[in-house]
Every structure is written in structure tokens, then in C-alpha cells.
PDB file of N, CA and C in Angstrom:
ATOM      1  N   MET A   1     -19.071  -4.936 -16.015  1.00  0.00           N
ATOM      2  CA  MET A   1     -18.224  -3.839 -16.437  1.00  0.00           C
ATOM      3  C   MET A   1     -18.049  -3.913 -17.945  1.00  0.00           C
ATOM      4  N   LYS A   2     -18.236  -2.802 -18.592  1.00  0.00           N
ATOM      5  CA  LYS A   2     -18.090  -2.737 -20.041  1.00  0.00           C
ATOM      6  C   LYS A   2     -17.198  -1.553 -20.390  1.00  0.00           C
ATOM      7  N   THR A   3     -16.275  -1.767 -21.333  1.00  0.00           N
ATOM      8  CA  THR A   3     -15.452  -0.673 -21.839  1.00  0.00           C
ATOM      9  C   THR A   3     -15.607  -0.594 -23.347  1.00  0.00           C
ATOM     10  N   THR A   4     -15.483   0.609 -23.852  1.00  0.00           N
ATOM     11  CA  THR A   4     -15.533   0.846 -25.293  1.00  0.00           C
ATOM     12  C   THR A   4     -14.418   1.811 -25.633  1.00  0.00           C
ATOM     13  N   PHE A   5     -13.627   1.475 -26.657  1.00  0.00           N
ATOM     14  CA  PHE A   5     -12.511   2.310 -27.086  1.00  0.00           C
ATOM     15  C   PHE A   5     -12.852   3.002 -28.396  1.00  0.00           C
ATOM     16  N   GLU A   6     -12.435   4.255 -28.502  1.00  0.00           N
ATOM     17  CA  GLU A   6     -12.543   4.961 -29.776  1.00  0.00           C
ATOM     18  C   GLU A   6     -11.384   5.937 -29.909  1.00  0.00           C
ATOM     19  N   GLU A   7     -11.018   6.208 -31.143  1.00  0.00           N
ATOM     20  CA  GLU A   7     -10.039   7.248 -31.429  1.00  0.00           C
ATOM     21  C   GLU A   7     -10.797   8.377 -32.110  1.00  0.00           C
ATOM     22  N   LYS A   8     -10.691   9.581 -31.540  1.00  0.00           N
ATOM     23  CA  LYS A   8     -11.454  10.705 -32.052  1.00  0.00           C
ATOM     24  C   LYS A   8     -10.605  11.964 -31.965  1.00  0.00           C
ATOM     25  N   GLU A   9     -10.472  12.635 -33.083  1.00  0.00           N
ATOM     26  CA  GLU A   9      -9.727  13.891 -33.161  1.00  0.00           C
ATOM     27  C   GLU A   9      -8.337  13.755 -32.561  1.00  0.00           C
ATOM     28  N   GLY A  10      -7.675  12.632 -32.846  1.00  0.00           N
ATOM     29  CA  GLY A  10      -6.311  12.401 -32.384  1.00  0.00           C
ATOM     30  C   GLY A  10      -6.189  12.001 -30.924  1.00  0.00           C
ATOM     31  N   LYS A  11      -7.313  11.750 -30.259  1.00  0.00           N
ATOM     32  CA  LYS A  11      -7.288  11.348 -28.849  1.00  0.00           C
ATOM     33  C   LYS A  11      -7.805   9.927 -28.720  1.00  0.00           C
ATOM     34  N   TYR A  12      -7.265   9.217 -27.751  1.00  0.00           N
ATOM     35  CA  TYR A  12      -7.757   7.893 -27.407  1.00  0.00           C
ATOM     36  C   TYR A  12      -8.781   8.068 -26.291  1.00  0.00           C
ATOM     37  N   ILE A  13      -9.969   7.533 -26.490  1.00  0.00           N
ATOM     38  CA  ILE A  13     -11.041   7.666 -25.500  1.00  0.00           C
ATOM     39  C   ILE A  13     -11.507   6.274 -25.099  1.00  0.00           C
ATOM     40  N   MET A  14     -11.510   6.026 -23.786  1.00  0.00           N
ATOM     41  CA  MET A  14     -12.030   4.769 -23.263  1.00  0.00           C
ATOM     42  C   MET A  14     -13.247   5.101 -22.413  1.00  0.00           C
ATOM     43  N   HIS A  15     -14.380   4.511 -22.785  1.00  0.00           N
ATOM     44  CA  HIS A  15     -15.640   4.689 -22.061  1.00  0.00           C
ATOM     45  C   HIS A  15     -15.788   3.534 -21.071  1.00  0.00           C
ATOM     46  N   PHE A  16     -16.159   3.861 -19.846  1.00  0.00           N
ATOM     47  CA  PHE A  16     -16.355   2.867 -18.797  1.00  0.00           C
ATOM     48  C   PHE A  16     -17.825   2.859 -18.396  1.00  0.00           C
ATOM     49  N   GLU A  17     -18.374   1.651 -18.252  1.00  0.00           N
ATOM     50  CA  GLU A  17     -19.778   1.520 -17.881  1.00  0.00           C
ATOM     51  C   GLU A  17     -19.934   0.395 -16.857  1.00  0.00           C
ATOM     52  N   GLY A  18     -20.544   0.716 -15.733  1.00  0.00           N
ATOM     53  CA  GLY A  18     -20.775  -0.293 -14.699  1.00  0.00           C
ATOM     54  C   GLY A  18     -19.890  -0.078 -13.491  1.00  0.00           C
ATOM     55  N   ARG A  19     -19.453  -1.201 -12.899  1.00  0.00           N
ATOM     56  CA  ARG A  19     -18.669  -1.168 -11.670  1.00  0.00           C
ATOM     57  C   ARG A  19     -17.259  -1.686 -11.937  1.00  0.00           C
ATOM     58  N   LEU A  20     -16.279  -0.833 -11.727  1.00  0.00           N
ATOM     59  CA  LEU A  20     -14.881  -1.241 -11.883  1.00  0.00           C
ATOM     60  C   LEU A  20     -14.380  -1.686 -10.513  1.00  0.00           C
ATOM     61  N   ASP A  21     -14.727  -2.935 -10.171  1.00  0.00           N
ATOM     62  CA  ASP A  21     -14.340  -3.493  -8.884  1.00  0.00           C
ATOM     63  C   ASP A  21     -13.209  -4.499  -9.092  1.00  0.00           C
ATOM     64  N   THR A  22     -12.825  -5.170  -8.035  1.00  0.00           N
ATOM     65  CA  THR A  22     -11.703  -6.109  -8.097  1.00  0.00           C
ATOM     66  C   THR A  22     -11.957  -7.222  -9.101  1.00  0.00           C
ATOM     67  N   VAL A  23     -13.175  -7.707  -9.151  1.00  0.00           N
ATOM     68  CA  VAL A  23     -13.517  -8.787 -10.081  1.00  0.00           C
ATOM     69  C   VAL A  23     -13.378  -8.321 -11.532  1.00  0.00           C
ATOM     70  N   ALA A  24     -13.820  -7.117 -11.828  1.00  0.00           N
ATOM     71  CA  ALA A  24     -13.792  -6.595 -13.198  1.00  0.00           C
ATOM     72  C   ALA A  24     -12.420  -6.064 -13.603  1.00  0.00           C
ATOM     73  N   ALA A  25     -11.544  -5.822 -12.647  1.00  0.00           N
ATOM     74  CA  ALA A  25     -10.266  -5.159 -12.938  1.00  0.00           C
ATOM     75  C   ALA A  25      -9.380  -5.957 -13.889  1.00  0.00           C
ATOM     76  N   THR A  26      -9.338  -7.265 -13.759  1.00  0.00           N
ATOM     77  CA  THR A  26      -8.474  -8.084 -14.613  1.00  0.00           C
ATOM     78  C   THR A  26      -8.864  -7.954 -16.078  1.00  0.00           C
ATOM     79  N   GLN A  27     -10.138  -8.098 -16.375  1.00  0.00           N
ATOM     80  CA  GLN A  27     -10.609  -7.974 -17.758  1.00  0.00           C
ATOM     81  C   GLN A  27     -10.444  -6.537 -18.260  1.00  0.00           C
ATOM     82  N   THR A  28     -10.756  -5.574 -17.414  1.00  0.00           N
ATOM     83  CA  THR A  28     -10.640  -4.170 -17.799  1.00  0.00           C
ATOM     84  C   THR A  28      -9.191  -3.820 -18.110  1.00  0.00           C
ATOM     85  N   GLU A  29      -8.264  -4.368 -17.344  1.00  0.00           N
ATOM     86  CA  GLU A  29      -6.845  -4.120 -17.596  1.00  0.00           C
ATOM     87  C   GLU A  29      -6.460  -4.598 -18.992  1.00  0.00           C
ATOM     88  N   GLN A  30      -6.956  -5.749 -19.391  1.00  0.00           N
ATOM     89  CA  GLN A  30      -6.686  -6.265 -20.742  1.00  0.00           C
ATOM     90  C   GLN A  30      -7.265  -5.337 -21.806  1.00  0.00           C
ATOM     91  N   GLU A  31      -8.469  -4.841 -21.573  1.00  0.00           N
ATOM     92  CA  GLU A  31      -9.130  -3.967 -22.528  1.00  0.00           C
ATOM     93  C   GLU A  31      -8.447  -2.603 -22.619  1.00  0.00           C
ATOM     94  N   MET A  32      -7.773  -2.190 -21.549  1.00  0.00           N
ATOM     95  CA  MET A  32      -7.086  -0.896 -21.532  1.00  0.00           C
ATOM     96  C   MET A  32      -5.711  -0.935 -22.193  1.00  0.00           C
ATOM     97  N   LYS A  33      -5.208  -2.112 -22.532  1.00  0.00           N
ATOM     98  CA  LYS A  33      -3.867  -2.230 -23.112  1.00  0.00           C
ATOM     99  C   LYS A  33      -3.698  -1.374 -24.365  1.00  0.00           C
ATOM    100  N   VAL A  34      -4.747  -1.201 -25.130  1.00  0.00           N
ATOM    101  CA  VAL A  34      -4.678  -0.378 -26.336  1.00  0.00           C
ATOM    102  C   VAL A  34      -4.262   1.062 -25.996  1.00  0.00           C
ATOM    103  N   LEU A  35      -4.573   1.520 -24.798  1.00  0.00           N
ATOM    104  CA  LEU A  35      -4.235   2.891 -24.391  1.00  0.00           C
ATOM    105  C   LEU A  35      -2.752   3.063 -24.121  1.00  0.00           C
ATOM    106  N   TYR A  36      -2.053   1.988 -23.837  1.00  0.00           N
ATOM    107  CA  TYR A  36      -0.629   2.075 -23.524  1.00  0.00           C
ATOM    108  C   TYR A  36       0.211   2.411 -24.749  1.00  0.00           C
ATOM    109  N   ASP A  37      -0.326   2.224 -25.936  1.00  0.00           N
ATOM    110  CA  ASP A  37       0.353   2.613 -27.172  1.00  0.00           C
ATOM    111  C   ASP A  37      -0.121   4.014 -27.548  1.00  0.00           C
ATOM    112  N   CYS A  38       0.071   4.951 -26.629  1.00  0.00           N
ATOM    113  CA  CYS A  38      -0.545   6.268 -26.739  1.00  0.00           C
ATOM    114  C   CYS A  38       0.394   7.335 -27.286  1.00  0.00           C
ATOM    115  N   GLU A  39       1.597   6.968 -27.639  1.00  0.00           N
ATOM    116  CA  GLU A  39       2.558   7.973 -28.075  1.00  0.00           C
ATOM    117  C   GLU A  39       1.951   8.869 -29.162  1.00  0.00           C
ATOM    118  N   GLY A  40       1.929  10.165 -28.874  1.00  0.00           N
ATOM    119  CA  GLY A  40       1.352  11.122 -29.798  1.00  0.00           C
ATOM    120  C   GLY A  40      -0.148  11.321 -29.623  1.00  0.00           C
ATOM    121  N   HIS A  41      -0.737  10.615 -28.690  1.00  0.00           N
ATOM    122  CA  HIS A  41      -2.176  10.714 -28.445  1.00  0.00           C
ATOM    123  C   HIS A  41      -2.427  10.987 -26.970  1.00  0.00           C
ATOM    124  N   ASP A  42      -3.277  11.942 -26.679  1.00  0.00           N
ATOM    125  CA  ASP A  42      -3.738  12.127 -25.311  1.00  0.00           C
ATOM    126  C   ASP A  42      -4.893  11.168 -25.070  1.00  0.00           C
ATOM    127  N   ILE A  43      -5.146  10.883 -23.799  1.00  0.00           N
ATOM    128  CA  ILE A  43      -6.138   9.877 -23.418  1.00  0.00           C
ATOM    129  C   ILE A  43      -7.222  10.525 -22.575  1.00  0.00           C
ATOM    130  N   ILE A  44      -8.463  10.156 -22.867  1.00  0.00           N
ATOM    131  CA  ILE A  44      -9.592  10.575 -22.050  1.00  0.00           C
ATOM    132  C   ILE A  44     -10.258   9.313 -21.504  1.00  0.00           C
ATOM    133  N   LEU A  45     -10.389   9.256 -20.193  1.00  0.00           N
ATOM    134  CA  LEU A  45     -11.120   8.177 -19.535  1.00  0.00           C
ATOM    135  C   LEU A  45     -12.516   8.711 -19.254  1.00  0.00           C
ATOM    136  N   GLU A  46     -13.484   8.268 -20.035  1.00  0.00           N
ATOM    137  CA  GLU A  46     -14.845   8.797 -19.985  1.00  0.00           C
ATOM    138  C   GLU A  46     -15.649   7.970 -18.981  1.00  0.00           C
ATOM    139  N   CYS A  47     -16.034   8.599 -17.880  1.00  0.00           N
ATOM    140  CA  CYS A  47     -16.610   7.877 -16.743  1.00  0.00           C
ATOM    141  C   CYS A  47     -18.065   8.242 -16.445  1.00  0.00           C
ATOM    142  N   SER A  48     -18.776   8.789 -17.407  1.00  0.00           N
ATOM    143  CA  SER A  48     -20.171   9.180 -17.172  1.00  0.00           C
ATOM    144  C   SER A  48     -21.032   8.018 -16.714  1.00  0.00           C
ATOM    145  N   ASN A  49     -20.738   6.816 -17.190  1.00  0.00           N
ATOM    146  CA  ASN A  49     -21.534   5.640 -16.845  1.00  0.00           C
ATOM    147  C   ASN A  49     -20.815   4.696 -15.891  1.00  0.00           C
ATOM    148  N   LEU A  50     -19.738   5.179 -15.284  1.00  0.00           N
ATOM    149  CA  LEU A  50     -19.025   4.379 -14.289  1.00  0.00           C
ATOM    150  C   LEU A  50     -19.694   4.605 -12.940  1.00  0.00           C
ATOM    151  N   GLU A  51     -20.209   3.534 -12.354  1.00  0.00           N
ATOM    152  CA  GLU A  51     -20.972   3.626 -11.109  1.00  0.00           C
ATOM    153  C   GLU A  51     -20.092   3.551  -9.871  1.00  0.00           C
ATOM    154  N   TYR A  52     -18.965   2.829  -9.978  1.00  0.00           N
ATOM    155  CA  TYR A  52     -18.147   2.546  -8.807  1.00  0.00           C
ATOM    156  C   TYR A  52     -16.734   2.241  -9.260  1.00  0.00           C
ATOM    157  N   ILE A  53     -15.738   2.625  -8.456  1.00  0.00           N
ATOM    158  CA  ILE A  53     -14.354   2.250  -8.728  1.00  0.00           C
ATOM    159  C   ILE A  53     -13.711   1.814  -7.419  1.00  0.00           C
ATOM    160  N   SER A  54     -13.064   0.646  -7.450  1.00  0.00           N
ATOM    161  CA  SER A  54     -12.386   0.113  -6.271  1.00  0.00           C
ATOM    162  C   SER A  54     -10.910   0.501  -6.324  1.00  0.00           C
ATOM    163  N   SER A  55     -10.174   0.087  -5.320  1.00  0.00           N
ATOM    164  CA  SER A  55      -8.739   0.359  -5.314  1.00  0.00           C
ATOM    165  C   SER A  55      -8.061  -0.318  -6.508  1.00  0.00           C
ATOM    166  N   SER A  56      -8.576  -1.447  -6.952  1.00  0.00           N
ATOM    167  CA  SER A  56      -8.025  -2.117  -8.135  1.00  0.00           C
ATOM    168  C   SER A  56      -8.228  -1.273  -9.383  1.00  0.00           C
ATOM    169  N   GLY A  57      -9.375  -0.627  -9.479  1.00  0.00           N
ATOM    170  CA  GLY A  57      -9.639   0.267 -10.603  1.00  0.00           C
ATOM    171  C   GLY A  57      -8.753   1.509 -10.551  1.00  0.00           C
ATOM    172  N   LEU A  58      -8.583   2.048  -9.361  1.00  0.00           N
ATOM    173  CA  LEU A  58      -7.692   3.203  -9.200  1.00  0.00           C
ATOM    174  C   LEU A  58      -6.264   2.843  -9.613  1.00  0.00           C
ATOM    175  N   ARG A  59      -5.843   1.630  -9.273  1.00  0.00           N
ATOM    176  CA  ARG A  59      -4.507   1.165  -9.664  1.00  0.00           C
ATOM    177  C   ARG A  59      -4.364   1.148 -11.183  1.00  0.00           C
ATOM    178  N   LEU A  60      -5.407   0.721 -11.897  1.00  0.00           N
ATOM    179  CA  LEU A  60      -5.360   0.706 -13.358  1.00  0.00           C
ATOM    180  C   LEU A  60      -5.209   2.113 -13.911  1.00  0.00           C
ATOM    181  N   PHE A  61      -5.966   3.052 -13.372  1.00  0.00           N
ATOM    182  CA  PHE A  61      -5.891   4.439 -13.839  1.00  0.00           C
ATOM    183  C   PHE A  61      -4.508   5.018 -13.568  1.00  0.00           C
ATOM    184  N   LEU A  62      -3.951   4.742 -12.392  1.00  0.00           N
ATOM    185  CA  LEU A  62      -2.636   5.264 -12.028  1.00  0.00           C
ATOM    186  C   LEU A  62      -1.545   4.662 -12.903  1.00  0.00           C
ATOM    187  N   GLY A  63      -1.616   3.360 -13.154  1.00  0.00           N
ATOM    188  CA  GLY A  63      -0.637   2.707 -14.026  1.00  0.00           C
ATOM    189  C   GLY A  63      -0.654   3.295 -15.426  1.00  0.00           C
ATOM    190  N   LEU A  64      -1.839   3.561 -15.938  1.00  0.00           N
ATOM    191  CA  LEU A  64      -1.966   4.173 -17.256  1.00  0.00           C
ATOM    192  C   LEU A  64      -1.382   5.580 -17.256  1.00  0.00           C
ATOM    193  N   LEU A  65      -1.654   6.344 -16.212  1.00  0.00           N
ATOM    194  CA  LEU A  65      -1.127   7.707 -16.102  1.00  0.00           C
ATOM    195  C   LEU A  65       0.398   7.698 -16.150  1.00  0.00           C
ATOM    196  N   LYS A  66       1.015   6.813 -15.402  1.00  0.00           N
ATOM    197  CA  LYS A  66       2.479   6.727 -15.373  1.00  0.00           C
ATOM    198  C   LYS A  66       3.039   6.362 -16.747  1.00  0.00           C
ATOM    199  N   ALA A  67       2.418   5.387 -17.403  1.00  0.00           N
ATOM    200  CA  ALA A  67       2.881   4.961 -18.730  1.00  0.00           C
ATOM    201  C   ALA A  67       2.719   6.064 -19.761  1.00  0.00           C
ATOM    202  N   ALA A  68       1.621   6.798 -19.680  1.00  0.00           N
ATOM    203  CA  ALA A  68       1.353   7.865 -20.647  1.00  0.00           C
ATOM    204  C   ALA A  68       2.333   9.024 -20.468  1.00  0.00           C
ATOM    205  N   LYS A  69       2.642   9.374 -19.230  1.00  0.00           N
ATOM    206  CA  LYS A  69       3.574  10.488 -18.975  1.00  0.00           C
ATOM    207  C   LYS A  69       4.936  10.213 -19.589  1.00  0.00           C
ATOM    208  N   VAL A  70       5.399   8.979 -19.491  1.00  0.00           N
ATOM    209  CA  VAL A  70       6.693   8.597 -20.063  1.00  0.00           C
ATOM    210  C   VAL A  70       6.702   8.838 -21.574  1.00  0.00           C
ATOM    211  N   LYS A  71       5.552   8.663 -22.206  1.00  0.00           N
ATOM    212  CA  LYS A  71       5.445   8.822 -23.658  1.00  0.00           C
ATOM    213  C   LYS A  71       5.037  10.232 -24.063  1.00  0.00           C
ATOM    214  N   GLY A  72       4.911  11.132 -23.090  1.00  0.00           N
ATOM    215  CA  GLY A  72       4.549  12.512 -23.392  1.00  0.00           C
ATOM    216  C   GLY A  72       3.074  12.737 -23.628  1.00  0.00           C
ATOM    217  N   SER A  73       2.255  11.799 -23.204  1.00  0.00           N
ATOM    218  CA  SER A  73       0.812  11.915 -23.371  1.00  0.00           C
ATOM    219  C   SER A  73       0.165  12.360 -22.065  1.00  0.00           C
ATOM    220  N   LYS A  74      -1.016  12.905 -22.183  1.00  0.00           N
ATOM    221  CA  LYS A  74      -1.774  13.400 -21.035  1.00  0.00           C
ATOM    222  C   LYS A  74      -3.007  12.520 -20.849  1.00  0.00           C
ATOM    223  N   VAL A  75      -3.365  12.248 -19.593  1.00  0.00           N
ATOM    224  CA  VAL A  75      -4.557  11.475 -19.281  1.00  0.00           C
ATOM    225  C   VAL A  75      -5.549  12.382 -18.560  1.00  0.00           C
ATOM    226  N   SER A  76      -6.747  12.493 -19.105  1.00  0.00           N
ATOM    227  CA  SER A  76      -7.815  13.294 -18.505  1.00  0.00           C
ATOM    228  C   SER A  76      -8.995  12.383 -18.210  1.00  0.00           C
ATOM    229  N   ILE A  77      -9.787  12.806 -17.237  1.00  0.00           N
ATOM    230  CA  ILE A  77     -10.987  12.048 -16.871  1.00  0.00           C
ATOM    231  C   ILE A  77     -12.193  12.950 -17.064  1.00  0.00           C
ATOM    232  N   SER A  78     -13.206  12.427 -17.733  1.00  0.00           N
ATOM    233  CA  SER A  78     -14.427  13.211 -17.943  1.00  0.00           C
ATOM    234  C   SER A  78     -15.628  12.471 -17.384  1.00  0.00           C
ATOM    235  N   GLY A  79     -16.663  13.237 -17.046  1.00  0.00           N
ATOM    236  CA  GLY A  79     -17.952  12.687 -16.671  1.00  0.00           C
ATOM    237  C   GLY A  79     -18.043  12.029 -15.313  1.00  0.00           C
ATOM    238  N   MET A  80     -17.189  12.404 -14.382  1.00  0.00           N
ATOM    239  CA  MET A  80     -17.233  11.766 -13.062  1.00  0.00           C
ATOM    240  C   MET A  80     -18.436  12.241 -12.257  1.00  0.00           C
ATOM    241  N   ASN A  81     -19.125  11.292 -11.628  1.00  0.00           N
ATOM    242  CA  ASN A  81     -20.221  11.665 -10.736  1.00  0.00           C
ATOM    243  C   ASN A  81     -19.643  12.060  -9.374  1.00  0.00           C
ATOM    244  N   ASP A  82     -20.485  12.542  -8.498  1.00  0.00           N
ATOM    245  CA  ASP A  82     -20.031  13.031  -7.194  1.00  0.00           C
ATOM    246  C   ASP A  82     -19.404  11.934  -6.334  1.00  0.00           C
ATOM    247  N   ASN A  83     -19.957  10.734  -6.384  1.00  0.00           N
ATOM    248  CA  ASN A  83     -19.402   9.632  -5.588  1.00  0.00           C
ATOM    249  C   ASN A  83     -17.987   9.279  -6.032  1.00  0.00           C
ATOM    250  N   LEU A  84     -17.772   9.193  -7.346  1.00  0.00           N
ATOM    251  CA  LEU A  84     -16.434   8.890  -7.855  1.00  0.00           C
ATOM    252  C   LEU A  84     -15.465  10.021  -7.536  1.00  0.00           C
ATOM    253  N   ARG A  85     -15.924  11.237  -7.680  1.00  0.00           N
ATOM    254  CA  ARG A  85     -15.068  12.388  -7.383  1.00  0.00           C
ATOM    255  C   ARG A  85     -14.642  12.365  -5.912  1.00  0.00           C
ATOM    256  N   GLN A  86     -15.535  11.926  -5.042  1.00  0.00           N
ATOM    257  CA  GLN A  86     -15.212  11.829  -3.620  1.00  0.00           C
ATOM    258  C   GLN A  86     -14.130  10.770  -3.377  1.00  0.00           C
ATOM    259  N   VAL A  87     -14.212   9.647  -4.060  1.00  0.00           N
ATOM    260  CA  VAL A  87     -13.184   8.608  -3.941  1.00  0.00           C
ATOM    261  C   VAL A  87     -11.836   9.156  -4.416  1.00  0.00           C
ATOM    262  N   PHE A  88     -11.838   9.858  -5.530  1.00  0.00           N
ATOM    263  CA  PHE A  88     -10.602  10.424  -6.051  1.00  0.00           C
ATOM    264  C   PHE A  88     -10.038  11.480  -5.097  1.00  0.00           C
ATOM    265  N   ALA A  89     -10.906  12.247  -4.470  1.00  0.00           N
ATOM    266  CA  ALA A  89     -10.451  13.265  -3.516  1.00  0.00           C
ATOM    267  C   ALA A  89      -9.846  12.610  -2.276  1.00  0.00           C
ATOM    268  N   MET A  90     -10.484  11.577  -1.748  1.00  0.00           N
ATOM    269  CA  MET A  90      -9.992  10.906  -0.540  1.00  0.00           C
ATOM    270  C   MET A  90      -8.636  10.244  -0.765  1.00  0.00           C
ATOM    271  N   THR A  91      -8.389   9.788  -1.984  1.00  0.00           N
ATOM    272  CA  THR A  91      -7.137   9.091  -2.280  1.00  0.00           C
ATOM    273  C   THR A  91      -6.050  10.023  -2.805  1.00  0.00           C
ATOM    274  N   GLY A  92      -6.393  11.296  -3.017  1.00  0.00           N
ATOM    275  CA  GLY A  92      -5.419  12.244  -3.538  1.00  0.00           C
ATOM    276  C   GLY A  92      -5.278  12.206  -5.054  1.00  0.00           C
ATOM    277  N   PHE A  93      -6.093  11.409  -5.712  1.00  0.00           N
ATOM    278  CA  PHE A  93      -6.003  11.287  -7.166  1.00  0.00           C
ATOM    279  C   PHE A  93      -6.460  12.553  -7.892  1.00  0.00           C
ATOM    280  N   THR A  94      -7.193  13.417  -7.211  1.00  0.00           N
ATOM    281  CA  THR A  94      -7.635  14.651  -7.868  1.00  0.00           C
ATOM    282  C   THR A  94      -6.449  15.542  -8.210  1.00  0.00           C
ATOM    283  N   HIS A  95      -5.322  15.329  -7.541  1.00  0.00           N
ATOM    284  CA  HIS A  95      -4.118  16.119  -7.821  1.00  0.00           C
ATOM    285  C   HIS A  95      -3.282  15.516  -8.945  1.00  0.00           C
ATOM    286  N   LEU A  96      -3.603  14.303  -9.347  1.00  0.00           N
ATOM    287  CA  LEU A  96      -2.826  13.618 -10.358  1.00  0.00           C
ATOM    288  C   LEU A  96      -3.393  13.745 -11.762  1.00  0.00           C
ATOM    289  N   PHE A  97      -4.713  13.800 -11.852  1.00  0.00           N
ATOM    290  CA  PHE A  97      -5.386  13.800 -13.142  1.00  0.00           C
ATOM    291  C   PHE A  97      -5.990  15.167 -13.450  1.00  0.00           C
ATOM    292  N   GLU A  98      -6.172  15.402 -14.726  1.00  0.00           N
ATOM    293  CA  GLU A  98      -6.936  16.571 -15.169  1.00  0.00           C
ATOM    294  C   GLU A  98      -8.374  16.101 -15.386  1.00  0.00           C
ATOM    295  N   PHE A  99      -9.327  16.904 -14.951  1.00  0.00           N
ATOM    296  CA  PHE A  99     -10.740  16.549 -15.080  1.00  0.00           C
ATOM    297  C   PHE A  99     -11.411  17.479 -16.065  1.00  0.00           C
ATOM    298  N   LEU A 100     -12.166  16.898 -16.983  1.00  0.00           N
ATOM    299  CA  LEU A 100     -12.865  17.668 -18.016  1.00  0.00           C
ATOM    300  C   LEU A 100     -14.329  17.839 -17.650  1.00  0.00           C
TER     301      LEU A 100
END
């Protein structure tokens, strides 16, 4: 699992590459901490290269969403493949996030 952070046009963007499974979730959570200081910045979770997400990965996305809402920031997800979109639909997450 690889993540890359960038700030672009006032938005925080985190790129995900590989499999966000239970094993990768601990390290990914540490790498996502920069997103929690999002006050004044909207967040995009760029998932074009994300192959798989487990319940641990979904928990990370949900935790970030809750933290961002408190600070008045919006979390959007871009580049989801059909398999990931199906996981989000089955868990009801499609109603929580905005998809680009």
C-alpha cells in the first residue's frame, strides 16, 4: 500500500495505490494524519490506483469524514473502480461521501 499527499488549489489530496487491507491500515492511518489538519481545506481521496479496501480501510475513511465535518471541510472520493464502488454501495458509504 502506498499513499502520496499533495496540496493543490487549496485542497488536500491523498492518492492511494495498492490494497488497503487490515495489514496496511495501521501505516495508512499514520500517513493520513496530515488530512486531519484540514480546517479551511476540502479533501479528495484519490482512489484510481486503489485495488481493494477492507473494513479497516473503510473505518479510516469514515473517521476522516467525521473529523473533517467538525472542521467544516468536505471529503470527496475520486477515481473509484467498479469493485470499490460496489463495496461502498453494500456498506451504505455511497450515501456518506461525494464522488467525483
